[in-house]
Protein backbone atom coordinates (compact mmCIF):
# COMPACT_ATOMS: atom_id res chain seq x y z
CA MET A 1 24.81 -22.01 -9.40
CA SER A 2 23.81 -24.75 -6.95
CA SER A 3 21.53 -27.62 -7.91
CA GLN A 4 18.95 -26.32 -5.41
CA SER A 5 18.80 -22.86 -7.01
CA ASN A 6 18.69 -24.47 -10.43
CA LEU A 7 15.74 -26.60 -9.34
CA LEU A 8 13.85 -23.66 -7.84
CA ALA A 9 14.38 -21.49 -10.92
CA SER A 10 13.28 -24.28 -13.26
CA SER A 11 10.19 -24.89 -11.14
CA PHE A 12 9.23 -21.20 -11.23
CA ILE A 13 9.57 -21.10 -15.01
CA GLU A 14 7.66 -24.33 -15.64
CA ASN A 15 5.15 -24.55 -12.80
CA GLU A 16 4.26 -20.96 -11.88
CA LYS A 17 3.10 -19.64 -15.25
CA GLN A 18 -0.05 -18.26 -13.61
CA PHE A 19 2.28 -15.80 -11.86
CA HIS A 20 4.11 -14.70 -15.02
CA LEU A 21 2.30 -11.37 -15.26
CA GLY A 22 4.30 -9.28 -17.71
CA PHE A 23 1.31 -9.12 -20.08
CA LEU A 24 -0.69 -7.02 -17.57
CA PRO A 25 -0.63 -3.22 -18.02
CA THR A 26 -0.14 -2.68 -14.27
CA GLU A 27 3.15 -4.63 -14.51
CA GLN A 28 4.53 -2.73 -17.49
CA SER A 29 6.66 0.39 -17.86
CA ASN A 30 4.80 3.67 -18.36
CA PRO A 31 6.24 5.66 -21.29
CA LEU A 32 5.40 8.93 -19.49
CA THR A 33 7.98 8.17 -16.78
CA ARG A 34 10.48 6.03 -18.67
CA ASN A 35 13.31 8.44 -17.78
CA LEU A 36 12.14 9.09 -14.22
CA ASP A 37 15.63 8.78 -12.75
CA ARG A 38 16.95 11.34 -15.24
CA GLU A 39 14.05 13.70 -14.53
CA PHE A 40 14.91 13.71 -10.82
CA ALA A 41 18.62 14.08 -11.60
CA ALA A 42 17.72 17.32 -13.41
CA GLY A 43 15.85 18.54 -10.32
CA SER A 44 13.27 17.19 -7.87
CA GLU A 45 10.53 19.54 -9.02
CA GLN A 46 10.93 18.25 -12.57
CA GLY A 47 10.75 14.69 -11.21
CA VAL A 48 7.59 15.45 -9.22
CA ARG A 49 5.88 16.86 -12.29
CA CYS A 50 6.86 13.73 -14.21
CA LEU A 51 5.20 11.52 -11.57
CA GLN A 52 2.10 13.69 -11.42
CA ARG A 53 1.44 13.33 -15.15
CA VAL A 54 0.40 9.71 -14.64
CA ASP A 55 -2.18 10.63 -11.96
CA ARG A 56 -4.20 12.29 -14.73
CA ASN A 57 -4.91 8.80 -16.11
CA VAL A 58 -6.85 8.08 -12.91
CA LEU A 59 -9.11 11.06 -13.61
CA ASP A 60 -9.91 9.79 -17.11
CA MET A 61 -10.84 6.41 -15.63
CA ALA A 62 -12.95 7.95 -12.84
CA GLU A 63 -15.04 10.00 -15.23
CA ARG A 64 -15.84 6.79 -17.10
CA ILE A 65 -16.53 4.67 -14.02
CA PHE A 66 -18.73 7.19 -12.19
CA ARG A 67 -21.11 7.08 -15.19
CA SER A 68 -21.13 3.29 -15.35
CA ALA A 69 -23.92 0.90 -14.40
CA GLY A 70 -21.49 -1.09 -12.25
CA PHE A 71 -20.71 1.89 -10.00
CA HIS A 72 -24.38 2.75 -9.55
CA ARG A 73 -25.09 -0.91 -8.80
CA LEU A 74 -22.34 -0.83 -6.14
CA VAL A 75 -23.81 2.23 -4.42
CA GLU A 76 -27.37 0.93 -4.57
CA ALA A 77 -26.41 -2.51 -3.25
CA GLY A 78 -24.53 -0.83 -0.41
CA ARG A 79 -27.54 1.28 0.48
CA ARG A 80 -29.81 -1.75 0.52
CA THR A 81 -27.32 -3.76 2.57
CA VAL A 82 -26.99 -1.09 5.25
CA ALA A 83 -30.74 -0.46 5.33
CA ALA A 84 -31.37 -4.18 5.88
CA GLY A 85 -28.83 -4.38 8.72
CA GLY A 86 -26.14 -6.21 6.73
CA ARG A 87 -22.47 -5.33 6.38
CA ILE A 88 -20.36 -3.94 3.56
CA VAL A 89 -17.05 -5.81 3.78
CA PHE A 90 -13.97 -4.68 1.86
CA SER A 91 -11.19 -7.17 1.23
CA GLY A 92 -7.70 -6.67 -0.11
CA CYS A 93 -4.03 -7.58 0.17
CA GLY A 94 -0.99 -5.36 0.58
CA ALA A 95 -1.88 -1.85 -0.57
CA THR A 96 -5.52 -2.78 -1.17
CA GLY A 97 -5.71 -4.52 2.20
CA ARG A 98 -4.52 -1.34 3.90
CA LEU A 99 -7.07 0.55 1.79
CA SER A 100 -9.80 -1.83 2.97
CA ILE A 101 -8.91 -1.11 6.60
CA LEU A 102 -8.77 2.63 5.89
CA LEU A 103 -12.23 2.61 4.28
CA GLU A 104 -13.71 0.84 7.29
CA CYS A 105 -12.02 3.25 9.69
CA MET A 106 -13.14 6.32 7.72
CA TRP A 107 -16.72 5.07 8.03
CA ARG A 108 -16.35 4.33 11.74
CA ASP A 109 -14.71 7.69 12.39
CA CYS A 110 -17.66 9.48 10.78
CA CYS A 111 -20.06 7.40 12.87
CA SER A 112 -18.14 8.27 16.05
CA LYS A 113 -18.49 12.00 15.37
CA ASN A 114 -22.07 12.12 14.10
CA ALA A 115 -25.00 11.00 16.23
CA ALA A 116 -27.20 10.37 13.19
CA ALA A 117 -24.62 7.95 11.77
CA SER A 118 -23.61 6.20 15.01
CA PRO A 119 -26.14 3.32 14.72
CA TYR A 120 -24.44 2.22 11.48
CA ALA A 121 -20.84 2.01 12.79
CA ASP A 122 -20.57 -1.80 12.68
CA GLN A 123 -22.05 -2.10 9.18
CA VAL A 124 -18.73 -1.67 7.41
CA ALA A 125 -15.84 -4.10 7.98
CA SER A 126 -12.58 -5.08 6.31
CA ILE A 127 -10.45 -8.12 5.53
CA MET A 128 -6.73 -7.57 5.16
CA THR A 129 -4.66 -10.53 4.01
CA GLY A 130 -2.56 -11.23 7.11
CA GLY A 131 -4.95 -9.33 9.39
CA ASP A 132 -4.46 -5.89 10.95
CA TYR A 133 -0.82 -6.78 11.67
CA ALA A 134 -0.11 -6.39 7.94
CA LEU A 135 -1.08 -2.74 8.19
CA VAL A 136 2.36 -1.99 9.65
CA ARG A 137 4.46 -4.89 8.38
CA SER A 138 3.97 -7.02 5.27
CA VAL A 139 3.24 -10.71 5.86
CA GLU A 140 5.32 -12.62 3.34
CA PHE A 141 3.73 -15.11 0.93
CA PHE A 142 0.19 -14.84 2.36
CA GLU A 143 -1.20 -13.41 -0.84
CA ASP A 144 -0.32 -16.60 -2.74
CA TYR A 145 -2.95 -18.72 -0.96
CA GLN A 146 -6.67 -18.54 -1.72
CA GLU A 147 -7.51 -20.61 1.33
CA PHE A 148 -6.16 -17.90 3.64
CA GLY A 149 -8.67 -15.46 2.16
CA ARG A 150 -11.48 -17.98 2.49
CA GLN A 151 -10.62 -18.52 6.14
CA GLN A 152 -10.77 -14.80 6.91
CA VAL A 153 -14.25 -14.65 5.35
CA ARG A 154 -15.30 -17.58 7.52
CA GLU A 155 -13.95 -15.89 10.63
CA LEU A 156 -15.87 -12.71 9.83
CA ASN A 157 -18.94 -14.92 9.29
CA LEU A 158 -20.28 -13.33 6.11
CA THR A 159 -23.87 -14.24 5.33
CA ALA A 160 -26.43 -13.63 2.60
CA ASP A 161 -27.27 -10.33 4.34
CA ASP A 162 -23.77 -8.97 3.66
CA MET A 163 -21.90 -7.77 0.57
CA LEU A 164 -18.21 -8.14 -0.27
CA VAL A 165 -16.23 -5.55 -2.21
CA ALA A 166 -13.00 -7.33 -3.16
CA ILE A 167 -10.16 -5.06 -4.30
CA THR A 168 -7.06 -6.35 -6.08
CA GLU A 169 -4.91 -3.98 -8.12
CA GLY A 170 -3.85 -6.59 -10.64
CA GLY A 171 -7.10 -8.56 -10.59
CA GLU A 172 -5.25 -11.78 -9.83
CA THR A 173 -4.26 -11.80 -6.15
CA SER A 174 -5.00 -15.31 -4.90
CA SER A 175 -5.92 -14.48 -1.30
CA VAL A 176 -8.39 -11.78 -2.41
CA LEU A 177 -9.95 -14.09 -4.98
CA GLY A 178 -10.29 -16.59 -2.14
CA THR A 179 -12.50 -14.07 -0.30
CA VAL A 180 -14.63 -13.79 -3.44
CA ASP A 181 -15.05 -17.55 -3.68
CA GLU A 182 -16.02 -17.98 -0.03
CA ALA A 183 -18.40 -15.00 -0.05
CA LEU A 184 -20.18 -16.48 -3.08
CA ARG A 185 -20.54 -19.80 -1.28
CA ARG A 186 -22.20 -17.92 1.55
CA LYS A 187 -24.61 -16.18 -0.87
CA ALA A 188 -23.32 -12.68 -0.15
CA ARG A 189 -23.51 -10.02 -2.86
CA VAL A 190 -20.04 -9.75 -4.43
CA PHE A 191 -18.27 -6.92 -6.25
CA LEU A 192 -14.76 -7.23 -7.67
CA MET A 193 -12.62 -4.15 -8.38
CA PHE A 194 -9.28 -4.24 -10.22
CA ASN A 195 -7.02 -2.25 -12.56
CA ASN A 196 -6.37 -4.39 -15.64
CA PRO A 197 -8.66 -5.04 -18.62
CA ALA A 198 -11.13 -7.72 -17.57
CA GLU A 199 -10.95 -9.56 -20.88
CA LEU A 200 -7.15 -9.80 -20.64
CA LEU A 201 -7.29 -11.29 -17.15
CA ALA A 202 -10.02 -13.74 -18.12
CA GLU A 203 -8.06 -14.85 -21.18
CA HIS A 204 -4.79 -15.60 -19.39
CA LEU A 205 -5.45 -16.43 -15.73
CA GLU A 206 -7.77 -19.21 -14.62
CA ARG A 207 -8.14 -17.90 -11.06
CA SER A 208 -9.20 -14.48 -12.38
CA ARG A 209 -11.49 -15.98 -15.03
CA GLN A 210 -13.49 -17.93 -12.44
CA ALA A 211 -14.41 -14.71 -10.64
CA ILE A 212 -14.77 -12.35 -13.61
CA CYS A 213 -17.00 -14.69 -15.61
CA ASN A 214 -19.23 -15.59 -12.65
CA PRO A 215 -22.63 -13.92 -13.22
CA ALA A 216 -23.00 -13.48 -9.46
CA VAL A 217 -19.99 -11.12 -9.41
CA THR A 218 -20.30 -7.46 -10.44
CA VAL A 219 -17.00 -6.42 -12.01
CA LEU A 220 -15.61 -2.88 -11.89
CA ASP A 221 -12.72 -2.66 -14.33
CA LEU A 222 -10.73 0.44 -13.30
CA HIS A 223 -7.82 0.03 -15.69
CA CYS A 224 -5.91 3.28 -16.11
CA GLY A 225 -2.65 2.11 -17.66
CA PRO A 226 0.82 1.31 -16.26
CA MET A 227 2.00 2.77 -12.97
CA ALA A 228 4.30 5.81 -12.73
CA LEU A 229 6.80 3.46 -11.06
CA SER A 230 6.67 0.20 -13.00
CA GLY A 231 4.62 -2.42 -11.15
CA SER A 232 4.14 -0.21 -8.06
CA THR A 233 0.39 -0.63 -7.77
CA ARG A 234 0.44 1.22 -4.45
CA MET A 235 0.38 4.30 -6.70
CA GLN A 236 -2.23 4.95 -9.44
CA ALA A 237 -3.99 1.57 -9.10
CA THR A 238 -4.70 2.00 -5.40
CA THR A 239 -5.45 5.70 -5.91
CA SER A 240 -8.18 4.79 -8.39
CA GLU A 241 -9.59 2.17 -6.05
CA GLN A 242 -9.55 4.56 -3.09
CA LEU A 243 -11.34 7.15 -5.20
CA VAL A 244 -14.02 4.81 -6.56
CA ALA A 245 -14.62 2.68 -3.45
CA GLY A 246 -14.42 5.76 -1.23
CA ALA A 247 -16.89 7.67 -3.39
CA ALA A 248 -19.32 4.75 -3.27
CA LEU A 249 -19.02 4.44 0.51
CA GLU A 250 -19.36 8.17 1.11
CA SER A 251 -22.38 8.32 -1.22
CA ILE A 252 -24.07 5.75 1.04
CA MET A 253 -23.21 7.83 4.12
CA CYS A 254 -24.51 10.99 2.44
CA GLY A 255 -27.84 9.21 1.97
CA LEU A 256 -27.97 8.24 5.64
CA LEU A 257 -27.21 11.81 6.71
CA GLY A 258 -29.47 13.45 4.14
CA VAL A 259 -26.70 15.59 2.60
CA PRO A 260 -25.89 16.09 -1.12
CA VAL A 261 -23.54 13.65 -2.83
CA PRO A 262 -20.43 15.46 -4.14
CA ASP A 263 -19.30 15.45 -7.76
CA TYR A 264 -16.32 13.19 -7.17
CA ALA A 265 -14.78 13.51 -10.63
CA ALA A 266 -14.79 17.32 -10.35
CA ALA A 267 -13.40 17.18 -6.81
CA PHE A 268 -10.58 14.86 -7.89
CA ARG A 269 -9.76 17.10 -10.85
CA ALA A 270 -9.49 20.07 -8.48
CA LEU A 271 -7.25 18.04 -6.17
CA LEU A 272 -4.86 17.17 -8.99
CA ASP A 273 -4.76 20.81 -10.09
CA GLN A 274 -3.84 21.95 -6.59
CA LEU A 275 -1.17 19.29 -6.09
CA GLU A 276 0.44 20.17 -9.40
CA THR A 277 0.62 23.78 -8.22
CA ALA A 278 2.21 22.50 -5.01
CA ALA A 279 4.98 20.62 -6.87
CA PRO A 280 7.75 22.95 -5.57
CA ALA A 281 6.75 22.27 -1.93
CA ILE A 282 6.64 18.50 -2.50
CA ALA A 283 10.02 18.64 -4.24
CA ALA A 284 11.53 20.61 -1.36
CA TYR A 285 10.29 17.99 1.07
CA ILE A 286 11.78 15.19 -1.06
CA ASP A 287 15.17 16.87 -0.98
CA PHE A 288 14.95 17.32 2.79
CA GLU A 289 14.06 13.71 3.64
CA ALA A 290 16.50 12.26 1.11
CA GLY A 291 19.21 14.41 2.71
CA VAL A 292 18.43 12.98 6.15
CA TYR A 293 18.82 9.41 4.87
CA ARG A 294 21.95 10.26 2.90
CA ASP A 295 23.57 11.47 6.13
CA GLY A 296 22.62 8.26 7.96
CA GLY A 297 19.66 9.71 9.85
CA LEU A 298 16.14 8.42 10.46
CA VAL A 299 12.76 10.11 9.92
CA THR A 300 9.79 9.82 12.27
CA TYR A 301 6.41 11.08 11.16
CA PHE A 302 4.09 12.32 13.90
CA ALA A 303 0.34 12.60 13.28
CA ASP A 304 -3.06 11.93 14.82
CA ASP A 305 -6.24 11.59 12.76
CA PHE A 306 -4.46 10.69 9.51
CA LEU A 307 -2.01 8.23 11.05
CA LEU A 308 -3.45 5.23 9.17
CA ASP A 309 -2.89 7.00 5.84
CA ILE A 310 0.77 7.51 6.73
CA PHE A 311 1.13 3.86 7.82
CA THR A 312 -0.03 2.79 4.38
CA ASP A 313 2.74 4.66 2.60
CA THR A 314 5.55 3.94 5.05
CA THR A 315 4.80 0.21 5.37
CA GLU A 316 4.83 -0.22 1.59
CA ARG A 317 8.25 1.40 1.27
CA SER A 318 9.86 -1.70 2.75
CA PRO A 319 9.06 -4.30 0.04
CA THR A 320 8.99 -1.72 -2.77
CA PHE A 321 12.46 -0.32 -2.10
CA MET A 322 14.04 -3.03 0.09
CA LEU A 323 14.10 -0.83 3.21
CA PRO A 324 14.22 -2.20 6.78
CA PRO A 325 10.60 -2.82 7.91
CA PHE A 326 9.08 -1.46 11.11
CA ARG A 327 10.76 -2.94 14.18
CA LYS A 328 9.11 -4.22 17.38
CA SER A 329 10.05 -2.75 20.75
CA ASP A 330 11.68 -6.01 21.90
CA ASP A 331 13.82 -6.30 18.74
CA ARG A 332 17.28 -4.83 19.23
CA THR A 333 19.07 -6.72 16.46
CA SER A 334 17.18 -5.82 13.26
CA PRO A 335 18.16 -2.55 11.59
CA ALA A 336 15.99 0.43 12.51
CA PRO A 337 13.44 1.42 9.86
CA TRP A 338 14.39 4.53 7.92
CA ALA A 339 10.90 5.94 8.44
CA PHE A 340 8.51 5.30 11.32
CA VAL A 341 5.15 6.69 12.43
CA LYS A 342 4.08 7.82 15.90
CA ASN A 343 1.14 9.57 17.55
CA PRO A 344 2.48 11.95 20.23
CA LEU A 345 -0.92 12.27 21.92
CA ARG A 346 -1.62 8.66 22.83
CA SER A 347 -0.16 5.37 24.04
CA THR A 348 0.13 2.55 21.50
CA PRO A 349 -3.11 0.77 22.60
CA GLU A 350 -4.90 4.14 22.54
CA VAL A 351 -3.60 4.85 19.04
CA TRP A 352 -5.29 1.73 17.70
CA LYS A 353 -8.49 2.34 19.65
CA HIS A 354 -8.68 5.94 18.39
CA GLY A 355 -7.79 5.10 14.79
CA MET A 356 -9.77 1.89 14.35
CA HIS A 357 -12.86 2.57 16.49
CA ARG A 358 -12.98 -1.21 16.98
CA PRO A 359 -10.87 -3.98 18.55
CA LEU A 360 -7.84 -5.15 16.61
CA ARG A 361 -8.66 -7.85 14.07
CA CYS A 362 -5.45 -9.87 13.91
CA LEU A 363 -4.94 -13.55 13.04
CA GLU A 364 -4.39 -15.97 15.90
CA TRP A 365 -3.92 -19.04 13.69
CA THR A 366 -2.20 -22.12 15.12
CA PRO A 367 -0.05 -24.72 13.32
CA GLN A 368 -3.15 -26.92 13.23
CA ASP A 369 -5.09 -24.14 11.46
CA TYR A 370 -2.38 -23.79 8.83
CA ARG A 371 -2.31 -27.56 8.33
CA ALA A 372 -6.10 -27.60 7.83
CA MET A 373 -5.75 -24.82 5.22
CA GLY A 374 -3.10 -26.76 3.30
CA ALA A 375 -0.28 -24.31 4.01
CA PRO A 376 3.27 -25.32 3.08
CA PRO A 377 5.23 -27.17 5.80
CA ASN A 378 7.52 -24.20 6.47
CA ILE A 379 4.52 -22.02 7.42
CA GLU A 380 2.86 -24.81 9.41
CA THR A 381 5.96 -25.54 11.48
CA ASN A 382 7.01 -21.91 11.86
CA PRO A 383 3.83 -19.81 11.72
CA PRO A 384 4.30 -16.04 11.47
CA LEU A 385 3.85 -14.00 14.65
CA ILE A 386 0.98 -11.75 13.56
CA SER A 387 -1.34 -11.69 16.57
CA ALA A 388 -2.70 -8.58 18.29
CA ALA A 389 -0.08 -8.96 21.02
CA GLU A 390 2.65 -8.85 18.38
CA LEU A 391 1.13 -5.82 16.67
CA LEU A 392 1.15 -3.91 19.96
CA LYS A 393 4.93 -4.40 20.15
CA PHE A 394 5.31 -1.72 17.48
CA GLU A 395 5.42 1.41 19.63
CA VAL A 396 3.44 3.76 17.41
CA GLY A 397 2.30 5.91 20.33
CA ARG A 398 4.06 8.48 22.47
CA GLU A 399 6.41 5.90 24.04
CA SER A 400 10.19 6.23 23.73
CA PRO A 401 10.61 8.93 21.07
CA GLU A 402 14.28 9.12 22.11
CA GLU A 403 14.92 5.78 20.39
CA ARG A 404 14.21 7.44 17.05
CA CYS A 405 16.81 10.18 17.50
CA ALA A 406 19.82 8.14 18.64
CA THR A 407 22.03 8.82 15.61
CA GLY A 408 22.14 12.58 16.15
CA ARG A 409 21.14 13.13 12.51
CA ASP A 410 17.43 12.31 12.77
CA ALA A 411 14.28 14.22 11.86
CA ALA A 412 10.86 14.59 13.48
CA VAL A 413 8.16 15.59 10.99
CA LEU A 414 4.66 16.63 12.08
CA VAL A 415 2.10 15.86 9.34
CA THR A 416 -1.19 17.76 9.48
CA VAL A 417 -4.12 17.68 7.07
CA GLY A 418 -6.71 20.42 6.68
CA ALA A 419 -7.81 21.62 10.13
CA ASP A 420 -5.92 18.75 11.78
CA GLY A 421 -3.33 20.93 13.55
CA ALA A 422 -4.96 21.27 16.98
CA PRO A 423 -2.97 23.06 19.72
CA GLU A 424 -2.70 19.91 21.84
CA LEU A 425 -1.20 18.00 18.90
CA GLU A 426 1.36 20.76 18.39
CA ARG A 427 2.31 20.76 22.08
CA ALA A 428 2.63 16.97 22.17
CA PHE A 429 4.76 17.03 19.04
CA GLU A 430 7.12 19.67 20.48
CA LYS A 431 7.58 17.52 23.60
CA SER A 432 8.24 14.34 21.59
CA ALA A 433 10.57 16.12 19.15
CA THR A 434 13.02 17.15 21.88
CA GLY A 435 16.37 15.61 20.99
CA PHE A 436 15.83 15.41 17.22
CA ARG A 437 18.33 17.32 15.12
CA PHE A 438 15.68 18.38 12.62
CA VAL A 439 12.12 19.37 13.58
CA ARG A 440 9.89 20.07 10.60
CA ARG A 441 6.19 20.45 9.75
CA LEU A 442 4.55 19.13 6.58
CA ALA A 443 1.02 20.52 6.10
CA VAL A 444 -1.46 19.34 3.47
CA GLY A 445 -3.96 22.21 3.41
CA GLY A 446 -5.06 24.11 6.47
CA ALA A 447 -4.09 27.56 7.73
CA ALA A 448 -1.21 26.57 10.03
CA ALA A 449 2.32 27.65 9.17
CA ALA A 450 4.63 24.84 8.04
CA ASP A 451 8.14 24.29 6.72
CA PHE A 452 6.61 22.45 3.75
CA LYS A 453 3.14 23.72 2.87
CA VAL A 454 1.13 21.82 0.27
CA GLU A 455 -1.74 24.18 -0.53
CA TYR A 456 -5.00 22.26 -0.69
CA SER A 457 -8.59 23.30 -0.01
CA GLY A 458 -11.05 20.44 -0.34
CA ALA A 459 -14.62 20.20 0.93
CA GLU A 460 -15.28 18.77 4.42
CA THR A 461 -17.40 15.82 3.27
CA PRO A 462 -18.65 13.08 5.66
CA LEU A 463 -15.73 10.68 5.10
CA LEU A 464 -13.21 13.33 4.00
CA ILE A 465 -12.52 11.32 0.85
CA MET A 466 -10.46 14.00 -0.90
CA HIS A 467 -8.47 14.81 2.25
CA HIS A 468 -7.39 11.18 2.47
CA LEU A 469 -6.54 11.10 -1.24
CA ALA A 470 -4.52 14.30 -0.87
CA VAL A 471 -2.39 12.68 1.84
CA LYS A 472 -1.95 9.54 -0.25
CA LEU A 473 -0.87 11.39 -3.38
CA VAL A 474 1.55 13.66 -1.53
CA LEU A 475 3.20 10.79 0.36
CA ASN A 476 3.31 8.44 -2.66
CA THR A 477 4.98 11.16 -4.72
CA ALA A 478 7.37 12.07 -1.92
CA SER A 479 8.40 8.52 -0.97
CA THR A 480 8.91 7.52 -4.60
CA GLY A 481 10.87 10.68 -5.34
CA ILE A 482 13.08 10.16 -2.27
CA MET A 483 14.00 6.67 -3.45
CA VAL A 484 14.73 7.92 -6.97
CA VAL A 485 17.01 10.62 -5.56
CA LEU A 486 18.80 7.97 -3.47
CA GLY A 487 19.40 5.74 -6.50
CA ARG A 488 16.93 2.96 -5.69
CA VAL A 489 15.08 3.35 -9.00
CA THR A 490 16.50 2.61 -12.45
CA GLY A 491 14.62 4.35 -15.24
CA ASN A 492 11.13 3.90 -13.82
CA TRP A 493 11.76 0.42 -12.40
CA MET A 494 11.98 -0.34 -8.66
CA SER A 495 15.36 -1.98 -8.93
CA TRP A 496 15.57 -2.53 -5.15
CA VAL A 497 12.33 -4.53 -4.93
CA ASP A 498 12.10 -7.28 -2.28
CA VAL A 499 11.00 -10.55 -3.96
CA THR A 500 8.87 -11.88 -1.09
CA ASN A 501 6.07 -13.57 -3.08
CA LYS A 502 5.46 -15.07 -6.51
CA LYS A 503 4.20 -11.85 -8.09
CA LEU A 504 7.25 -9.93 -6.88
CA MET A 505 9.51 -12.78 -7.99
CA ASP A 506 8.14 -12.47 -11.52
CA ARG A 507 8.46 -8.68 -11.35
CA GLY A 508 12.11 -8.99 -10.28
CA ILE A 509 12.85 -11.38 -13.15
CA ARG A 510 11.27 -9.04 -15.69
CA LEU A 511 13.14 -6.09 -14.23
CA ILE A 512 16.47 -7.89 -14.66
CA SER A 513 15.46 -8.82 -18.20
CA GLU A 514 14.46 -5.25 -19.09
CA ILE A 515 17.47 -3.48 -17.58
CA GLY A 516 20.07 -6.24 -18.04
CA GLY A 517 19.13 -7.17 -21.57
CA LEU A 518 18.66 -10.88 -20.77
CA ASP A 519 15.81 -13.20 -21.67
CA TYR A 520 13.28 -14.25 -19.02
CA ARG A 521 14.81 -17.68 -18.43
CA GLU A 522 18.36 -16.42 -17.90
CA SER A 523 17.09 -13.63 -15.64
CA CYS A 524 15.18 -16.17 -13.54
CA PHE A 525 18.22 -18.40 -13.01
CA ARG A 526 20.37 -15.41 -12.09
CA LEU A 527 17.81 -14.16 -9.57
CA PHE A 528 17.49 -17.49 -7.76
CA ASP A 529 21.28 -17.81 -7.72
CA ALA A 530 21.53 -14.32 -6.16
CA ILE A 531 18.93 -15.18 -3.50
CA GLU A 532 21.01 -18.19 -2.44
CA LYS A 533 24.27 -16.21 -2.40
CA ILE A 534 22.73 -13.44 -0.28
CA SER A 535 21.34 -16.00 2.18
CA ARG A 536 24.93 -17.06 2.98
CA LEU A 537 26.12 -13.50 3.66
CA PRO A 538 25.88 -11.74 7.04
CA VAL A 539 23.16 -9.07 7.08
CA PRO A 540 24.88 -5.65 6.96
CA PRO A 541 23.79 -2.83 9.32
CA ALA A 542 21.79 -1.19 6.53
CA GLY A 543 19.68 -4.34 6.06
CA LYS A 544 19.45 -7.26 3.65
CA PRO A 545 20.51 -6.34 0.09
CA SER A 546 18.14 -6.64 -2.86
CA ALA A 547 18.63 -9.81 -4.92
CA VAL A 548 17.53 -7.91 -8.03
CA GLN A 549 20.08 -5.17 -7.46
CA PHE A 550 22.69 -7.84 -6.69
CA VAL A 551 22.17 -9.33 -10.17
CA LEU A 552 22.22 -5.92 -11.86
CA ASP A 553 25.46 -5.03 -10.07
CA GLU A 554 27.03 -8.32 -11.20
CA LEU A 555 25.94 -7.65 -14.78
CA LYS A 556 27.43 -4.16 -14.60
CA LYS A 557 30.74 -5.54 -13.31
CA SER A 558 30.81 -8.13 -16.09
CA ALA A 559 30.18 -5.45 -18.68
CA ILE A 560 33.01 -3.28 -17.30
CA GLY A 561 35.43 -6.17 -17.05
CA PRO A 562 38.30 -6.81 -14.62
CA ASP A 563 40.48 -4.08 -16.12
CA GLY A 564 37.79 -1.42 -15.61
CA GLN A 565 37.06 -1.13 -19.35
């Protein structure tokens, strides 16, 4: 181990204790899925049912929260804010940042289709750590800096007329807590939503305590236990936040439109019941997509109105399972992403205009801006390329579908939701799918025929809350199951995680400790040593290897010994 790696590991152990998060339930292993890899080895349907058991914990939480004073305060504050001409602003990072964008776009989509709601279109907004660019590709390390969140609040110019709904799965994400701090300075109403016990966060983490114990902040504690995949808060944590925040937002819209507010707990219970019945269809899809990847092929999802929902799942596969991220059109050296998303009806600029119903909100920060925010020298001197112009380089429209079927083993999958399968979408898909070896249809509800039909019949509410949740749950279950089938999960741990920020670094260390049987300190030193070793290796065609898996493989070799015993 080099002196540099030794120094970095020692520094993480001694100086980053606020990012040692193993005490949080969202970072722990769920006993319901402890043998997830074995469940899938016995059959994908058995694995799907194992994953779905944990979603029931979200229902228990929702029934509690929907009766709470905090939830009713959230809805009432939102109603007053909109009535007074202010804005409801959601903020988040990673999965919750993508959720924040989705909530805004669901609101705007409703306003675009309903004349009575159209005057209120600009009264919901979102802040995503890293800007809209992070919707399709994670921006490394941004979540570690509160000042970045503060700056995004300043750029959106929140005032005392507005309200902020900050969403952080763990309750400790620095950039999101930065948005809370700046919104409070600007006298906005502030709500904070997270998925760990509030008293636990306040006891252990100073940055969380400052927000939770501030009387100007209304806290919604949505804790619902550990994730089905350990630490993967894109799953039940974000599901619970999408359900609660979405229900609050749709309740406000129902008031504006003069329509009854649904019983969201009952609707979510019905959704879970239907998806459990659909387990065989989801399992069949898992086996199909895993087979494409096993044979060296790529998968391209095609969709229209629910494209943003699919982005959320596919983007998060990259850091969760160490897969190649989405690739820009001018990048011919990086490995192609295993999964990609395209709209066959529209050009890339039209896709964003149709999906967002607003201009792109990307970050155009200069080196001087980063210096003023106190960013580390490596970010200041080499700022990430995350502007709107860079986002448009990801060809998510109808351009160049042939580039996604170059291996001869690739799949085109049309995803439809409810009544989403319009004839023009089907025709555009058939045109784009020419040249793909496999052409399949995955339908979540609706009457259209499909190769994989997930039966679902939810109410057509103003923001289609349950439709969006149905897509999320199906894709989360499918993408997780695919990675288990392909060996990228050990037990119920994401053993191919990409350690791109401090939280993920801690998660990787704890994973090595849990699976490798080492203490935290030894696991930390081994991980930093692996990161340095990997940095010296050429990147293979399949993409950069996981440092966590690198350590686990070395431990396995040591246990076997040179003679194979």
